[in-house]
Amino acid sequence: MIIVKVTEKNEDIHRIVLSGHADSGPVGYDLVCAGVSAISFGSVNSVYRLAKVKLNVEQRAKGGYLDITFPKEITDDQWEKAQLLLKAMVVSLQTIEDQYSEYIQIKYT
């Protein structure tokens, strides 16, 4: 199962950690894992290109792990743009969770 942990403070996202594998199909054919990967990496790339923020990203393919945090130096404008994009990421992941809750779970801390 993929576990998504979203750390929020005052309705702002401060960290997102994804871990695990969906195991909803054979390796290379797991649509849940593919969807979650596309959404998460696409969102990180969008924050970089559109908000001009290079997020701190730690990833490991083995065990399925992605840890996203903010850099120390960020302007208010960058923060607002990045927040919108990461909130959109969470909404997209919630859409997958709504249909495939046996393979993905989102938790808020």
PDB file of N, CA and C in Angstrom:
ATOM      1  N   MET A   1       0.847  -1.184   0.000  1.00  0.00           N
ATOM      2  CA  MET A   1       0.000   0.000   0.000  1.00  0.00           C
ATOM      3  C   MET A   1       0.885   1.238   0.000  1.00  0.00           C
ATOM      4  N   ILE A   2       0.438   2.264  -0.709  1.00  0.00           N
ATOM      5  CA  ILE A   2       1.111   3.558  -0.698  1.00  0.00           C
ATOM      6  C   ILE A   2       0.511   4.383   0.432  1.00  0.00           C
ATOM      7  N   ILE A   3       1.380   4.899   1.280  1.00  0.00           N
ATOM      8  CA  ILE A   3       0.955   5.794   2.352  1.00  0.00           C
ATOM      9  C   ILE A   3       1.469   7.188   2.005  1.00  0.00           C
ATOM     10  N   VAL A   4       0.573   8.154   2.000  1.00  0.00           N
ATOM     11  CA  VAL A   4       0.931   9.552   1.752  1.00  0.00           C
ATOM     12  C   VAL A   4       0.714  10.301   3.061  1.00  0.00           C
ATOM     13  N   LYS A   5       1.777  10.887   3.599  1.00  0.00           N
ATOM     14  CA  LYS A   5       1.673  11.679   4.828  1.00  0.00           C
ATOM     15  C   LYS A   5       1.860  13.143   4.461  1.00  0.00           C
ATOM     16  N   VAL A   6       0.833  13.928   4.734  1.00  0.00           N
ATOM     17  CA  VAL A   6       0.855  15.355   4.440  1.00  0.00           C
ATOM     18  C   VAL A   6       0.951  16.101   5.760  1.00  0.00           C
ATOM     19  N   THR A   7       2.032  16.854   5.933  1.00  0.00           N
ATOM     20  CA  THR A   7       2.215  17.650   7.146  1.00  0.00           C
ATOM     21  C   THR A   7       1.786  19.079   6.843  1.00  0.00           C
ATOM     22  N   GLU A   8       0.780  19.538   7.597  1.00  0.00           N
ATOM     23  CA  GLU A   8       0.232  20.878   7.394  1.00  0.00           C
ATOM     24  C   GLU A   8       0.365  21.706   8.661  1.00  0.00           C
ATOM     25  N   LYS A   9       0.437  23.012   8.466  1.00  0.00           N
ATOM     26  CA  LYS A   9       0.393  23.957   9.571  1.00  0.00           C
ATOM     27  C   LYS A   9      -0.358  25.184   9.055  1.00  0.00           C
ATOM     28  N   ASN A  10      -1.408  25.538   9.759  1.00  0.00           N
ATOM     29  CA  ASN A  10      -2.243  26.680   9.350  1.00  0.00           C
ATOM     30  C   ASN A  10      -2.716  26.549   7.897  1.00  0.00           C
ATOM     31  N   GLU A  11      -3.120  25.341   7.529  1.00  0.00           N
ATOM     32  CA  GLU A  11      -3.643  25.022   6.196  1.00  0.00           C
ATOM     33  C   GLU A  11      -2.606  25.099   5.086  1.00  0.00           C
ATOM     34  N   ASP A  12      -1.333  25.242   5.433  1.00  0.00           N
ATOM     35  CA  ASP A  12      -0.249  25.215   4.446  1.00  0.00           C
ATOM     36  C   ASP A  12       0.462  23.878   4.538  1.00  0.00           C
ATOM     37  N   ILE A  13       0.850  23.354   3.404  1.00  0.00           N
ATOM     38  CA  ILE A  13       1.606  22.111   3.348  1.00  0.00           C
ATOM     39  C   ILE A  13       3.073  22.432   3.631  1.00  0.00           C
ATOM     40  N   HIS A  14       3.680  21.662   4.524  1.00  0.00           N
ATOM     41  CA  HIS A  14       5.097  21.843   4.835  1.00  0.00           C
ATOM     42  C   HIS A  14       5.937  20.643   4.409  1.00  0.00           C
ATOM     43  N   ARG A  15       5.283  19.493   4.284  1.00  0.00           N
ATOM     44  CA  ARG A  15       6.008  18.284   3.897  1.00  0.00           C
ATOM     45  C   ARG A  15       5.023  17.266   3.360  1.00  0.00           C
ATOM     46  N   ILE A  16       5.475  16.514   2.375  1.00  0.00           N
ATOM     47  CA  ILE A  16       4.702  15.384   1.857  1.00  0.00           C
ATOM     48  C   ILE A  16       5.667  14.206   1.743  1.00  0.00           C
ATOM     49  N   VAL A  17       5.280  13.084   2.336  1.00  0.00           N
ATOM     50  CA  VAL A  17       6.083  11.869   2.249  1.00  0.00           C
ATOM     51  C   VAL A  17       5.214  10.765   1.671  1.00  0.00           C
ATOM     52  N   LEU A  18       5.671  10.167   0.596  1.00  0.00           N
ATOM     53  CA  LEU A  18       4.998   9.016  -0.002  1.00  0.00           C
ATOM     54  C   LEU A  18       5.892   7.808   0.217  1.00  0.00           C
ATOM     55  N   SER A  19       5.289   6.699   0.656  1.00  0.00           N
ATOM     56  CA  SER A  19       6.087   5.491   0.865  1.00  0.00           C
ATOM     57  C   SER A  19       5.266   4.257   0.525  1.00  0.00           C
ATOM     58  N   GLY A  20       5.980   3.244   0.075  1.00  0.00           N
ATOM     59  CA  GLY A  20       5.349   1.968  -0.244  1.00  0.00           C
ATOM     60  C   GLY A  20       5.012   1.824  -1.713  1.00  0.00           C
ATOM     61  N   HIS A  21       4.485   0.674  -2.033  1.00  0.00           N
ATOM     62  CA  HIS A  21       4.050   0.363  -3.398  1.00  0.00           C
ATOM     63  C   HIS A  21       2.593  -0.084  -3.341  1.00  0.00           C
ATOM     64  N   ALA A  22       1.844   0.231  -4.368  1.00  0.00           N
ATOM     65  CA  ALA A  22       0.423  -0.118  -4.403  1.00  0.00           C
ATOM     66  C   ALA A  22       0.220  -1.624  -4.528  1.00  0.00           C
ATOM     67  N   ASP A  23       1.050  -2.276  -5.334  1.00  0.00           N
ATOM     68  CA  ASP A  23       0.888  -3.712  -5.601  1.00  0.00           C
ATOM     69  C   ASP A  23      -0.508  -4.024  -6.140  1.00  0.00           C
ATOM     70  N   SER A  24      -1.018  -3.133  -6.980  1.00  0.00           N
ATOM     71  CA  SER A  24      -2.340  -3.367  -7.576  1.00  0.00           C
ATOM     72  C   SER A  24      -2.249  -4.143  -8.883  1.00  0.00           C
ATOM     73  N   GLY A  25      -1.025  -4.444  -9.305  1.00  0.00           N
ATOM     74  CA  GLY A  25      -0.818  -5.193 -10.527  1.00  0.00           C
ATOM     75  C   GLY A  25       0.634  -5.607 -10.619  1.00  0.00           C
ATOM     76  N   PRO A  26       0.982  -6.372 -11.643  1.00  0.00           N
ATOM     77  CA  PRO A  26       2.368  -6.793 -11.806  1.00  0.00           C
ATOM     78  C   PRO A  26       3.291  -5.584 -11.994  1.00  0.00           C
ATOM     79  N   VAL A  27       4.566  -5.773 -11.632  1.00  0.00           N
ATOM     80  CA  VAL A  27       5.550  -4.708 -11.812  1.00  0.00           C
ATOM     81  C   VAL A  27       5.546  -4.278 -13.277  1.00  0.00           C
ATOM     82  N   GLY A  28       5.479  -2.992 -13.496  1.00  0.00           N
ATOM     83  CA  GLY A  28       5.419  -2.457 -14.858  1.00  0.00           C
ATOM     84  C   GLY A  28       4.000  -2.270 -15.365  1.00  0.00           C
ATOM     85  N   TYR A  29       3.022  -2.834 -14.644  1.00  0.00           N
ATOM     86  CA  TYR A  29       1.623  -2.730 -15.053  1.00  0.00           C
ATOM     87  C   TYR A  29       0.734  -2.251 -13.917  1.00  0.00           C
ATOM     88  N   ASP A  30       1.353  -1.725 -12.876  1.00  0.00           N
ATOM     89  CA  ASP A  30       0.623  -1.265 -11.694  1.00  0.00           C
ATOM     90  C   ASP A  30       0.131   0.158 -11.962  1.00  0.00           C
ATOM     91  N   LEU A  31      -1.138   0.282 -12.327  1.00  0.00           N
ATOM     92  CA  LEU A  31      -1.681   1.585 -12.705  1.00  0.00           C
ATOM     93  C   LEU A  31      -1.779   2.556 -11.543  1.00  0.00           C
ATOM     94  N   VAL A  32      -2.030   2.069 -10.340  1.00  0.00           N
ATOM     95  CA  VAL A  32      -2.104   2.960  -9.179  1.00  0.00           C
ATOM     96  C   VAL A  32      -0.727   3.556  -8.911  1.00  0.00           C
ATOM     97  N   CYS A  33       0.305   2.712  -8.893  1.00  0.00           N
ATOM     98  CA  CYS A  33       1.667   3.203  -8.671  1.00  0.00           C
ATOM     99  C   CYS A  33       2.073   4.182  -9.783  1.00  0.00           C
ATOM    100  N   ALA A  34       1.733   3.848 -11.004  1.00  0.00           N
ATOM    101  CA  ALA A  34       2.080   4.725 -12.127  1.00  0.00           C
ATOM    102  C   ALA A  34       1.385   6.074 -11.998  1.00  0.00           C
ATOM    103  N   GLY A  35       0.110   6.064 -11.616  1.00  0.00           N
ATOM    104  CA  GLY A  35      -0.632   7.313 -11.450  1.00  0.00           C
ATOM    105  C   GLY A  35      -0.071   8.166 -10.329  1.00  0.00           C
ATOM    106  N   VAL A  36       0.236   7.545  -9.200  1.00  0.00           N
ATOM    107  CA  VAL A  36       0.791   8.277  -8.059  1.00  0.00           C
ATOM    108  C   VAL A  36       2.165   8.842  -8.417  1.00  0.00           C
ATOM    109  N   SER A  37       2.975   8.068  -9.103  1.00  0.00           N
ATOM    110  CA  SER A  37       4.297   8.547  -9.515  1.00  0.00           C
ATOM    111  C   SER A  37       4.182   9.725 -10.476  1.00  0.00           C
ATOM    112  N   ALA A  38       3.303   9.612 -11.451  1.00  0.00           N
ATOM    113  CA  ALA A  38       3.133  10.693 -12.427  1.00  0.00           C
ATOM    114  C   ALA A  38       2.658  11.973 -11.753  1.00  0.00           C
ATOM    115  N   ILE A  39       1.705  11.847 -10.853  1.00  0.00           N
ATOM    116  CA  ILE A  39       1.183  13.029 -10.151  1.00  0.00           C
ATOM    117  C   ILE A  39       2.260  13.658  -9.277  1.00  0.00           C
ATOM    118  N   SER A  40       2.956  12.846  -8.502  1.00  0.00           N
ATOM    119  CA  SER A  40       3.925  13.397  -7.552  1.00  0.00           C
ATOM    120  C   SER A  40       5.136  14.012  -8.264  1.00  0.00           C
ATOM    121  N   PHE A  41       5.724  13.319  -9.216  1.00  0.00           N
ATOM    122  CA  PHE A  41       6.888  13.879  -9.911  1.00  0.00           C
ATOM    123  C   PHE A  41       6.490  15.036 -10.817  1.00  0.00           C
ATOM    124  N   GLY A  42       5.310  14.949 -11.426  1.00  0.00           N
ATOM    125  CA  GLY A  42       4.820  16.070 -12.229  1.00  0.00           C
ATOM    126  C   GLY A  42       4.602  17.310 -11.385  1.00  0.00           C
ATOM    127  N   SER A  43       4.123  17.130 -10.168  1.00  0.00           N
ATOM    128  CA  SER A  43       3.892  18.260  -9.268  1.00  0.00           C
ATOM    129  C   SER A  43       5.202  18.889  -8.816  1.00  0.00           C
ATOM    130  N   VAL A  44       6.181  18.061  -8.460  1.00  0.00           N
ATOM    131  CA  VAL A  44       7.499  18.583  -8.073  1.00  0.00           C
ATOM    132  C   VAL A  44       8.098  19.381  -9.233  1.00  0.00           C
ATOM    133  N   ASN A  45       8.009  18.850 -10.433  1.00  0.00           N
ATOM    134  CA  ASN A  45       8.516  19.561 -11.610  1.00  0.00           C
ATOM    135  C   ASN A  45       7.751  20.850 -11.860  1.00  0.00           C
ATOM    136  N   SER A  46       6.450  20.848 -11.633  1.00  0.00           N
ATOM    137  CA  SER A  46       5.638  22.055 -11.809  1.00  0.00           C
ATOM    138  C   SER A  46       6.031  23.141 -10.814  1.00  0.00           C
ATOM    139  N   VAL A  47       6.279  22.753  -9.577  1.00  0.00           N
ATOM    140  CA  VAL A  47       6.718  23.731  -8.573  1.00  0.00           C
ATOM    141  C   VAL A  47       8.038  24.353  -9.011  1.00  0.00           C
ATOM    142  N   TYR A  48       8.939  23.544  -9.538  1.00  0.00           N
ATOM    143  CA  TYR A  48      10.236  24.046  -9.979  1.00  0.00           C
ATOM    144  C   TYR A  48      10.084  25.006 -11.164  1.00  0.00           C
ATOM    145  N   ARG A  49       9.306  24.609 -12.150  1.00  0.00           N
ATOM    146  CA  ARG A  49       9.183  25.427 -13.366  1.00  0.00           C
ATOM    147  C   ARG A  49       8.261  26.626 -13.223  1.00  0.00           C
ATOM    148  N   LEU A  50       7.168  26.473 -12.511  1.00  0.00           N
ATOM    149  CA  LEU A  50       6.175  27.550 -12.441  1.00  0.00           C
ATOM    150  C   LEU A  50       6.357  28.471 -11.248  1.00  0.00           C
ATOM    151  N   ALA A  51       6.789  27.912 -10.113  1.00  0.00           N
ATOM    152  CA  ALA A  51       6.975  28.731  -8.913  1.00  0.00           C
ATOM    153  C   ALA A  51       8.442  29.094  -8.704  1.00  0.00           C
ATOM    154  N   LYS A  52       9.308  28.498  -9.508  1.00  0.00           N
ATOM    155  CA  LYS A  52      10.756  28.756  -9.411  1.00  0.00           C
ATOM    156  C   LYS A  52      11.312  28.359  -8.041  1.00  0.00           C
ATOM    157  N   VAL A  53      10.785  27.259  -7.506  1.00  0.00           N
ATOM    158  CA  VAL A  53      11.221  26.745  -6.213  1.00  0.00           C
ATOM    159  C   VAL A  53      11.832  25.363  -6.426  1.00  0.00           C
ATOM    160  N   LYS A  54      13.068  25.201  -5.996  1.00  0.00           N
ATOM    161  CA  LYS A  54      13.702  23.885  -6.044  1.00  0.00           C
ATOM    162  C   LYS A  54      13.449  23.215  -4.695  1.00  0.00           C
ATOM    163  N   LEU A  55      12.431  22.386  -4.662  1.00  0.00           N
ATOM    164  CA  LEU A  55      12.067  21.681  -3.438  1.00  0.00           C
ATOM    165  C   LEU A  55      13.181  20.730  -3.018  1.00  0.00           C
ATOM    166  N   ASN A  56      13.256  20.464  -1.722  1.00  0.00           N
ATOM    167  CA  ASN A  56      14.157  19.420  -1.227  1.00  0.00           C
ATOM    168  C   ASN A  56      13.447  18.092  -1.459  1.00  0.00           C
ATOM    169  N   VAL A  57      14.067  17.223  -2.230  1.00  0.00           N
ATOM    170  CA  VAL A  57      13.445  15.945  -2.583  1.00  0.00           C
ATOM    171  C   VAL A  57      14.411  14.815  -2.282  1.00  0.00           C
ATOM    172  N   GLU A  58      13.940  13.851  -1.524  1.00  0.00           N
ATOM    173  CA  GLU A  58      14.683  12.622  -1.286  1.00  0.00           C
ATOM    174  C   GLU A  58      13.845  11.492  -1.861  1.00  0.00           C
ATOM    175  N   GLN A  59      14.457  10.668  -2.684  1.00  0.00           N
ATOM    176  CA  GLN A  59      13.705   9.566  -3.279  1.00  0.00           C
ATOM    177  C   GLN A  59      14.527   8.289  -3.267  1.00  0.00           C
ATOM    178  N   ARG A  60      13.795   7.181  -3.140  1.00  0.00           N
ATOM    179  CA  ARG A  60      14.391   5.853  -3.224  1.00  0.00           C
ATOM    180  C   ARG A  60      13.394   4.970  -3.968  1.00  0.00           C
ATOM    181  N   ALA A  61      13.853   4.333  -5.009  1.00  0.00           N
ATOM    182  CA  ALA A  61      12.972   3.442  -5.764  1.00  0.00           C
ATOM    183  C   ALA A  61      12.646   2.194  -4.944  1.00  0.00           C
ATOM    184  N   LYS A  62      13.662   1.655  -4.278  1.00  0.00           N
ATOM    185  CA  LYS A  62      13.439   0.454  -3.469  1.00  0.00           C
ATOM    186  C   LYS A  62      12.566   0.820  -2.280  1.00  0.00           C
ATOM    187  N   GLY A  63      11.461   0.162  -2.153  1.00  0.00           N
ATOM    188  CA  GLY A  63      10.524   0.449  -1.071  1.00  0.00           C
ATOM    189  C   GLY A  63       9.581   1.588  -1.401  1.00  0.00           C
ATOM    190  N   GLY A  64       9.813   2.264  -2.518  1.00  0.00           N
ATOM    191  CA  GLY A  64       8.954   3.370  -2.927  1.00  0.00           C
ATOM    192  C   GLY A  64       8.940   4.474  -1.891  1.00  0.00           C
ATOM    193  N   TYR A  65       9.756   5.493  -2.080  1.00  0.00           N
ATOM    194  CA  TYR A  65       9.849   6.559  -1.076  1.00  0.00           C
ATOM    195  C   TYR A  65      10.123   7.887  -1.766  1.00  0.00           C
ATOM    196  N   LEU A  66       9.353   8.890  -1.392  1.00  0.00           N
ATOM    197  CA  LEU A  66       9.545  10.258  -1.884  1.00  0.00           C
ATOM    198  C   LEU A  66       9.229  11.205  -0.732  1.00  0.00           C
ATOM    199  N   ASP A  67      10.191  12.053  -0.391  1.00  0.00           N
ATOM    200  CA  ASP A  67      10.051  13.006   0.716  1.00  0.00           C
ATOM    201  C   ASP A  67      10.248  14.407   0.130  1.00  0.00           C
ATOM    202  N   ILE A  68       9.227  15.252   0.279  1.00  0.00           N
ATOM    203  CA  ILE A  68       9.233  16.591  -0.308  1.00  0.00           C
ATOM    204  C   ILE A  68       9.134  17.627   0.808  1.00  0.00           C
ATOM    205  N   THR A  69      10.114  18.527   0.867  1.00  0.00           N
ATOM    206  CA  THR A  69      10.082  19.634   1.815  1.00  0.00           C
ATOM    207  C   THR A  69      10.519  20.912   1.101  1.00  0.00           C
ATOM    208  N   PHE A  70      10.347  22.019   1.783  1.00  0.00           N
ATOM    209  CA  PHE A  70      10.685  23.319   1.204  1.00  0.00           C
ATOM    210  C   PHE A  70      12.105  23.740   1.561  1.00  0.00           C
ATOM    211  N   PRO A  71      12.746  24.505   0.667  1.00  0.00           N
ATOM    212  CA  PRO A  71      14.054  25.069   1.009  1.00  0.00           C
ATOM    213  C   PRO A  71      13.881  26.173   2.055  1.00  0.00           C
ATOM    214  N   LYS A  72      14.968  26.544   2.706  1.00  0.00           N
ATOM    215  CA  LYS A  72      14.891  27.590   3.733  1.00  0.00           C
ATOM    216  C   LYS A  72      14.624  28.958   3.127  1.00  0.00           C
ATOM    217  N   GLU A  73      15.205  29.227   1.985  1.00  0.00           N
ATOM    218  CA  GLU A  73      15.046  30.528   1.334  1.00  0.00           C
ATOM    219  C   GLU A  73      13.937  30.444   0.289  1.00  0.00           C
ATOM    220  N   ILE A  74      12.842  31.143   0.553  1.00  0.00           N
ATOM    221  CA  ILE A  74      11.707  31.146  -0.377  1.00  0.00           C
ATOM    222  C   ILE A  74      10.925  32.444  -0.170  1.00  0.00           C
ATOM    223  N   THR A  75      10.540  33.070  -1.264  1.00  0.00           N
ATOM    224  CA  THR A  75       9.778  34.319  -1.157  1.00  0.00           C
ATOM    225  C   THR A  75       8.306  34.013  -0.894  1.00  0.00           C
ATOM    226  N   ASP A  76       7.570  35.021  -0.461  1.00  0.00           N
ATOM    227  CA  ASP A  76       6.129  34.843  -0.230  1.00  0.00           C
ATOM    228  C   ASP A  76       5.412  34.448  -1.508  1.00  0.00           C
ATOM    229  N   ASP A  77       5.790  35.054  -2.630  1.00  0.00           N
ATOM    230  CA  ASP A  77       5.166  34.734  -3.914  1.00  0.00           C
ATOM    231  C   ASP A  77       5.444  33.281  -4.307  1.00  0.00           C
ATOM    232  N   GLN A  78       6.670  32.847  -4.139  1.00  0.00           N
ATOM    233  CA  GLN A  78       7.018  31.459  -4.441  1.00  0.00           C
ATOM    234  C   GLN A  78       6.241  30.499  -3.540  1.00  0.00           C
ATOM    235  N   TRP A  79       6.136  30.868  -2.266  1.00  0.00           N
ATOM    236  CA  TRP A  79       5.420  30.035  -1.302  1.00  0.00           C
ATOM    237  C   TRP A  79       3.968  29.844  -1.739  1.00  0.00           C
ATOM    238  N   GLU A  80       3.302  30.937  -2.097  1.00  0.00           N
ATOM    239  CA  GLU A  80       1.894  30.869  -2.501  1.00  0.00           C
ATOM    240  C   GLU A  80       1.705  30.003  -3.741  1.00  0.00           C
ATOM    241  N   LYS A  81       2.556  30.187  -4.734  1.00  0.00           N
ATOM    242  CA  LYS A  81       2.456  29.387  -5.965  1.00  0.00           C
ATOM    243  C   LYS A  81       2.719  27.909  -5.675  1.00  0.00           C
ATOM    244  N   ALA A  82       3.753  27.651  -4.887  1.00  0.00           N
ATOM    245  CA  ALA A  82       4.087  26.262  -4.561  1.00  0.00           C
ATOM    246  C   ALA A  82       2.971  25.605  -3.764  1.00  0.00           C
ATOM    247  N   GLN A  83       2.367  26.352  -2.841  1.00  0.00           N
ATOM    248  CA  GLN A  83       1.256  25.813  -2.055  1.00  0.00           C
ATOM    249  C   GLN A  83       0.107  25.384  -2.960  1.00  0.00           C
ATOM    250  N   LEU A  84      -0.253  26.228  -3.897  1.00  0.00           N
ATOM    251  CA  LEU A  84      -1.354  25.905  -4.803  1.00  0.00           C
ATOM    252  C   LEU A  84      -1.048  24.631  -5.593  1.00  0.00           C
ATOM    253  N   LEU A  85       0.172  24.531  -6.089  1.00  0.00           N
ATOM    254  CA  LEU A  85       0.540  23.364  -6.876  1.00  0.00           C
ATOM    255  C   LEU A  85       0.577  22.088  -6.025  1.00  0.00           C
ATOM    256  N   LEU A  86       1.089  22.177  -4.808  1.00  0.00           N
ATOM    257  CA  LEU A  86       1.131  20.986  -3.956  1.00  0.00           C
ATOM    258  C   LEU A  86      -0.253  20.606  -3.442  1.00  0.00           C
ATOM    259  N   LYS A  87      -1.100  21.601  -3.213  1.00  0.00           N
ATOM    260  CA  LYS A  87      -2.482  21.283  -2.831  1.00  0.00           C
ATOM    261  C   LYS A  87      -3.207  20.600  -3.987  1.00  0.00           C
ATOM    262  N   ALA A  88      -2.919  21.025  -5.202  1.00  0.00           N
ATOM    263  CA  ALA A  88      -3.495  20.358  -6.378  1.00  0.00           C
ATOM    264  C   ALA A  88      -2.990  18.917  -6.469  1.00  0.00           C
ATOM    265  N   MET A  89      -1.724  18.701  -6.112  1.00  0.00           N
ATOM    266  CA  MET A  89      -1.175  17.343  -6.083  1.00  0.00           C
ATOM    267  C   MET A  89      -1.961  16.468  -5.115  1.00  0.00           C
ATOM    268  N   VAL A  90      -2.217  16.996  -3.920  1.00  0.00           N
ATOM    269  CA  VAL A  90      -2.955  16.230  -2.914  1.00  0.00           C
ATOM    270  C   VAL A  90      -4.376  15.930  -3.393  1.00  0.00           C
ATOM    271  N   VAL A  91      -5.025  16.890  -4.027  1.00  0.00           N
ATOM    272  CA  VAL A  91      -6.374  16.655  -4.567  1.00  0.00           C
ATOM    273  C   VAL A  91      -6.334  15.535  -5.606  1.00  0.00           C
ATOM    274  N   SER A  92      -5.327  15.546  -6.461  1.00  0.00           N
ATOM    275  CA  SER A  92      -5.204  14.486  -7.470  1.00  0.00           C
ATOM    276  C   SER A  92      -4.978  13.129  -6.809  1.00  0.00           C
ATOM    277  N   LEU A  93      -4.151  13.096  -5.767  1.00  0.00           N
ATOM    278  CA  LEU A  93      -3.930  11.841  -5.048  1.00  0.00           C
ATOM    279  C   LEU A  93      -5.200  11.384  -4.331  1.00  0.00           C
ATOM    280  N   GLN A  94      -5.980  12.336  -3.823  1.00  0.00           N
ATOM    281  CA  GLN A  94      -7.257  11.991  -3.189  1.00  0.00           C
ATOM    282  C   GLN A  94      -8.214  11.358  -4.201  1.00  0.00           C
ATOM    283  N   THR A  95      -8.158  11.813  -5.426  1.00  0.00           N
ATOM    284  CA  THR A  95      -8.998  11.247  -6.477  1.00  0.00           C
ATOM    285  C   THR A  95      -8.657   9.778  -6.690  1.00  0.00           C
ATOM    286  N   ILE A  96      -7.375   9.458  -6.672  1.00  0.00           N
ATOM    287  CA  ILE A  96      -6.965   8.052  -6.781  1.00  0.00           C
ATOM    288  C   ILE A  96      -7.404   7.282  -5.541  1.00  0.00           C
ATOM    289  N   GLU A  97      -7.216   7.886  -4.371  1.00  0.00           N
ATOM    290  CA  GLU A  97      -7.615   7.230  -3.124  1.00  0.00           C
ATOM    291  C   GLU A  97      -9.114   6.934  -3.116  1.00  0.00           C
ATOM    292  N   ASP A  98      -9.915   7.834  -3.635  1.00  0.00           N
ATOM    293  CA  ASP A  98     -11.368   7.624  -3.677  1.00  0.00           C
ATOM    294  C   ASP A  98     -11.739   6.349  -4.429  1.00  0.00           C
ATOM    295  N   GLN A  99     -10.999   6.036  -5.467  1.00  0.00           N
ATOM    296  CA  GLN A  99     -11.312   4.870  -6.293  1.00  0.00           C
ATOM    297  C   GLN A  99     -10.537   3.614  -5.897  1.00  0.00           C
ATOM    298  N   TYR A 100      -9.366   3.807  -5.290  1.00  0.00           N
ATOM    299  CA  TYR A 100      -8.473   2.669  -5.015  1.00  0.00           C
ATOM    300  C   TYR A 100      -7.959   2.697  -3.582  1.00  0.00           C
ATOM    301  N   SER A 101      -8.852   2.864  -2.623  1.00  0.00           N
ATOM    302  CA  SER A 101      -8.457   3.026  -1.224  1.00  0.00           C
ATOM    303  C   SER A 101      -7.763   1.793  -0.641  1.00  0.00           C
ATOM    304  N   GLU A 102      -7.878   0.657  -1.302  1.00  0.00           N
ATOM    305  CA  GLU A 102      -7.166  -0.520  -0.806  1.00  0.00           C
ATOM    306  C   GLU A 102      -5.685  -0.485  -1.186  1.00  0.00           C
ATOM    307  N   TYR A 103      -5.295   0.494  -2.035  1.00  0.00           N
ATOM    308  CA  TYR A 103      -3.911   0.596  -2.494  1.00  0.00           C
ATOM    309  C   TYR A 103      -3.211   1.892  -2.097  1.00  0.00           C
ATOM    310  N   ILE A 104      -3.965   2.903  -1.662  1.00  0.00           N
ATOM    311  CA  ILE A 104      -3.377   4.181  -1.288  1.00  0.00           C
ATOM    312  C   ILE A 104      -4.181   4.792  -0.150  1.00  0.00           C
ATOM    313  N   GLN A 105      -3.465   5.357   0.816  1.00  0.00           N
ATOM    314  CA  GLN A 105      -4.114   6.016   1.945  1.00  0.00           C
ATOM    315  C   GLN A 105      -3.385   7.326   2.225  1.00  0.00           C
ATOM    316  N   ILE A 106      -4.148   8.396   2.396  1.00  0.00           N
ATOM    317  CA  ILE A 106      -3.586   9.716   2.698  1.00  0.00           C
ATOM    318  C   ILE A 106      -3.861  10.032   4.157  1.00  0.00           C
ATOM    319  N   LYS A 107      -2.800  10.431   4.866  1.00  0.00           N
ATOM    320  CA  LYS A 107      -2.908  10.801   6.279  1.00  0.00           C
ATOM    321  C   LYS A 107      -2.407  12.227   6.450  1.00  0.00           C
ATOM    322  N   TYR A 108      -3.047  12.956   7.358  1.00  0.00           N
ATOM    323  CA  TYR A 108      -2.661  14.348   7.627  1.00  0.00           C
ATOM    324  C   TYR A 108      -2.098  14.450   9.035  1.00  0.00           C
ATOM    325  N   THR A 109      -0.974  15.160   9.168  1.00  0.00           N
ATOM    326  CA  THR A 109      -0.361  15.351  10.475  1.00  0.00           C
ATOM    327  C   THR A 109      -0.130  16.831  10.729  1.00  0.00           C
TER     328      THR A 109
END
